[in-house]
Each structure stands twice: as structure tokens, then as C-alpha cells.
């Protein structure tokens, strides 16, 4: 499988728009953004916990 070109991305976006509708997409993107933000915060907390654990040894 090759890389996605501009045409393929536009087709995918059109299909998503048809499936979910224009009003639902901002809500989906908001949920995706908050999920990514939570994942980053969890990864950040995990790194700080590892550093603290190494310092106590």
C-alpha cells in the first residue's frame, strides 16, 4: 500500500461528511482532541512517576 494522496484524502473526508453529517463532525473532533489530550497527560504523569521512582532508589 502506498501513501495517501490529496485525492484519496478528499474522498475519505467526503465519505466521513456523508456518514456523520456536518453537525456531528465538530463534536467528533472535540472528543478526539480531548482523548488525545488525556493520553498525553497520562503519558506525562507516567514519565514523572518513573523519574521519582528512580530518584528514590
N, C-alpha and C. Protein backbone atom coordinates (compact mmCIF):
# COMPACT_ATOMS: atom_id res chain seq x y z
N UNK A 1 0.84 -1.18 0.00
CA UNK A 1 0.00 0.00 0.00
C UNK A 1 0.89 1.24 0.00
N UNK A 2 0.50 2.19 -0.80
CA UNK A 2 1.27 3.42 -0.91
C UNK A 2 0.76 4.51 0.01
N UNK A 3 1.32 5.64 -0.18
CA UNK A 3 0.89 6.80 0.61
C UNK A 3 -0.44 7.33 0.10
N UNK A 4 -1.11 8.07 0.97
CA UNK A 4 -2.39 8.69 0.58
C UNK A 4 -2.10 10.01 -0.12
N UNK A 5 -2.70 10.19 -1.27
CA UNK A 5 -2.58 11.45 -1.99
C UNK A 5 -3.70 12.39 -1.63
N UNK A 6 -3.69 13.54 -2.25
CA UNK A 6 -4.70 14.55 -1.99
C UNK A 6 -6.09 14.04 -2.39
N UNK A 7 -6.15 13.36 -3.51
CA UNK A 7 -7.44 12.85 -3.99
C UNK A 7 -8.03 11.85 -3.01
N UNK A 8 -7.21 10.94 -2.51
CA UNK A 8 -7.69 9.92 -1.58
C UNK A 8 -8.17 10.55 -0.27
N UNK A 9 -7.43 11.54 0.21
CA UNK A 9 -7.82 12.22 1.45
C UNK A 9 -9.15 12.95 1.26
N UNK A 10 -9.33 13.59 0.12
CA UNK A 10 -10.60 14.28 -0.15
C UNK A 10 -11.76 13.31 -0.22
N UNK A 11 -11.54 12.15 -0.81
CA UNK A 11 -12.59 11.14 -0.89
C UNK A 11 -12.95 10.64 0.51
N UNK A 12 -11.94 10.40 1.33
CA UNK A 12 -12.19 9.95 2.70
C UNK A 12 -12.97 11.00 3.48
N UNK A 13 -12.58 12.26 3.35
CA UNK A 13 -13.29 13.34 4.04
C UNK A 13 -14.74 13.46 3.56
N UNK A 14 -14.97 13.27 2.27
CA UNK A 14 -16.33 13.33 1.74
C UNK A 14 -17.18 12.19 2.30
N UNK A 15 -16.61 11.00 2.39
CA UNK A 15 -17.35 9.86 2.94
C UNK A 15 -17.68 10.11 4.41
N UNK A 16 -16.71 10.62 5.17
CA UNK A 16 -16.96 10.92 6.58
C UNK A 16 -18.06 11.96 6.72
N UNK A 17 -18.03 12.97 5.88
CA UNK A 17 -19.06 14.02 5.91
C UNK A 17 -20.44 13.43 5.60
N UNK A 18 -20.49 12.53 4.64
CA UNK A 18 -21.77 11.91 4.30
C UNK A 18 -22.27 11.00 5.41
N UNK A 19 -21.36 10.28 6.07
CA UNK A 19 -21.77 9.35 7.12
C UNK A 19 -22.24 10.06 8.39
N UNK A 20 -21.50 11.07 8.80
CA UNK A 20 -21.78 11.70 10.09
C UNK A 20 -22.54 13.01 9.99
N UNK A 21 -22.52 13.65 8.86
CA UNK A 21 -23.21 14.93 8.72
C UNK A 21 -22.38 16.09 9.23
N UNK A 22 -22.70 17.27 8.77
CA UNK A 22 -21.92 18.46 9.12
C UNK A 22 -22.01 18.86 10.58
N UNK A 23 -23.12 18.57 11.23
CA UNK A 23 -23.28 18.99 12.62
C UNK A 23 -22.56 18.07 13.60
N UNK A 24 -22.37 16.83 13.21
CA UNK A 24 -21.78 15.85 14.11
C UNK A 24 -20.24 15.89 14.10
N UNK A 25 -19.65 16.36 13.01
CA UNK A 25 -18.19 16.33 12.88
C UNK A 25 -17.48 17.19 13.93
N UNK A 26 -17.90 18.43 14.21
CA UNK A 26 -17.21 19.19 15.26
C UNK A 26 -17.25 18.48 16.62
N UNK A 27 -18.36 17.84 16.90
CA UNK A 27 -18.48 17.09 18.16
C UNK A 27 -17.50 15.91 18.19
N UNK A 28 -17.37 15.22 17.07
CA UNK A 28 -16.43 14.11 16.99
C UNK A 28 -14.98 14.59 17.15
N UNK A 29 -14.65 15.71 16.52
CA UNK A 29 -13.29 16.25 16.60
C UNK A 29 -12.98 16.73 18.02
N UNK A 30 -13.98 17.28 18.69
CA UNK A 30 -13.79 17.72 20.07
C UNK A 30 -13.49 16.51 20.96
N UNK A 31 -14.23 15.43 20.77
CA UNK A 31 -13.99 14.20 21.53
C UNK A 31 -12.62 13.62 21.23
N UNK A 32 -12.23 13.64 19.97
CA UNK A 32 -10.91 13.13 19.59
C UNK A 32 -9.81 13.98 20.22
N UNK A 33 -9.97 15.29 20.19
CA UNK A 33 -8.98 16.18 20.79
C UNK A 33 -8.85 15.99 22.28
N UNK A 34 -9.96 15.84 22.97
CA UNK A 34 -9.89 15.63 24.42
C UNK A 34 -9.29 14.26 24.75
N UNK A 35 -9.54 13.27 23.90
CA UNK A 35 -8.93 11.96 24.11
C UNK A 35 -7.42 12.00 23.95
N UNK A 36 -6.95 12.72 22.94
CA UNK A 36 -5.51 12.87 22.73
C UNK A 36 -4.89 13.64 23.89
N UNK A 37 -5.58 14.66 24.36
CA UNK A 37 -5.07 15.46 25.48
C UNK A 37 -4.94 14.60 26.74
N UNK A 38 -5.94 13.77 27.02
CA UNK A 38 -5.89 12.89 28.18
C UNK A 38 -4.76 11.88 28.04
N UNK A 39 -4.55 11.36 26.84
CA UNK A 39 -3.47 10.40 26.60
C UNK A 39 -2.12 11.05 26.87
N UNK A 40 -1.92 12.28 26.38
CA UNK A 40 -0.66 12.98 26.61
C UNK A 40 -0.43 13.23 28.10
N UNK A 41 -1.48 13.64 28.81
CA UNK A 41 -1.35 13.88 30.24
C UNK A 41 -1.02 12.60 30.99
N UNK A 42 -1.62 11.50 30.61
CA UNK A 42 -1.33 10.21 31.26
C UNK A 42 0.10 9.79 30.99
N UNK A 43 0.57 9.98 29.77
CA UNK A 43 1.95 9.63 29.43
C UNK A 43 2.93 10.52 30.19
N UNK A 44 2.58 11.78 30.33
CA UNK A 44 3.43 12.73 31.06
C UNK A 44 3.49 12.35 32.55
N UNK A 45 2.35 12.00 33.13
CA UNK A 45 2.31 11.59 34.53
C UNK A 45 3.11 10.31 34.75
N UNK A 46 3.05 9.41 33.80
CA UNK A 46 3.79 8.15 33.90
C UNK A 46 5.29 8.41 33.89
N UNK A 47 5.75 9.34 33.06
CA UNK A 47 7.18 9.67 32.99
C UNK A 47 7.64 10.29 34.30
N UNK A 48 6.83 11.19 34.88
CA UNK A 48 7.24 11.82 36.13
C UNK A 48 7.25 10.80 37.27
N UNK A 49 6.34 9.84 37.24
CA UNK A 49 6.32 8.80 38.26
C UNK A 49 7.56 7.92 38.14
N UNK A 50 7.98 7.63 36.91
CA UNK A 50 9.19 6.84 36.71
C UNK A 50 10.42 7.58 37.20
N UNK A 51 10.50 8.89 36.97
CA UNK A 51 11.64 9.67 37.44
C UNK A 51 11.70 9.69 38.96
N UNK A 52 10.55 9.87 39.61
CA UNK A 52 10.52 9.88 41.07
C UNK A 52 10.93 8.53 41.63
N UNK A 53 10.51 7.46 40.97
CA UNK A 53 10.86 6.12 41.42
C UNK A 53 12.35 5.87 41.29
N UNK A 54 12.96 6.37 40.23
CA UNK A 54 14.40 6.20 40.02
C UNK A 54 15.19 7.02 41.03
N UNK A 55 14.67 8.19 41.40
CA UNK A 55 15.37 9.04 42.36
C UNK A 55 15.39 8.44 43.75
N UNK A 56 14.36 7.69 44.10
CA UNK A 56 14.30 7.10 45.43
C UNK A 56 15.18 5.88 45.57
N UNK A 57 15.64 5.31 44.47
CA UNK A 57 16.49 4.12 44.53
C UNK A 57 17.91 4.47 44.81
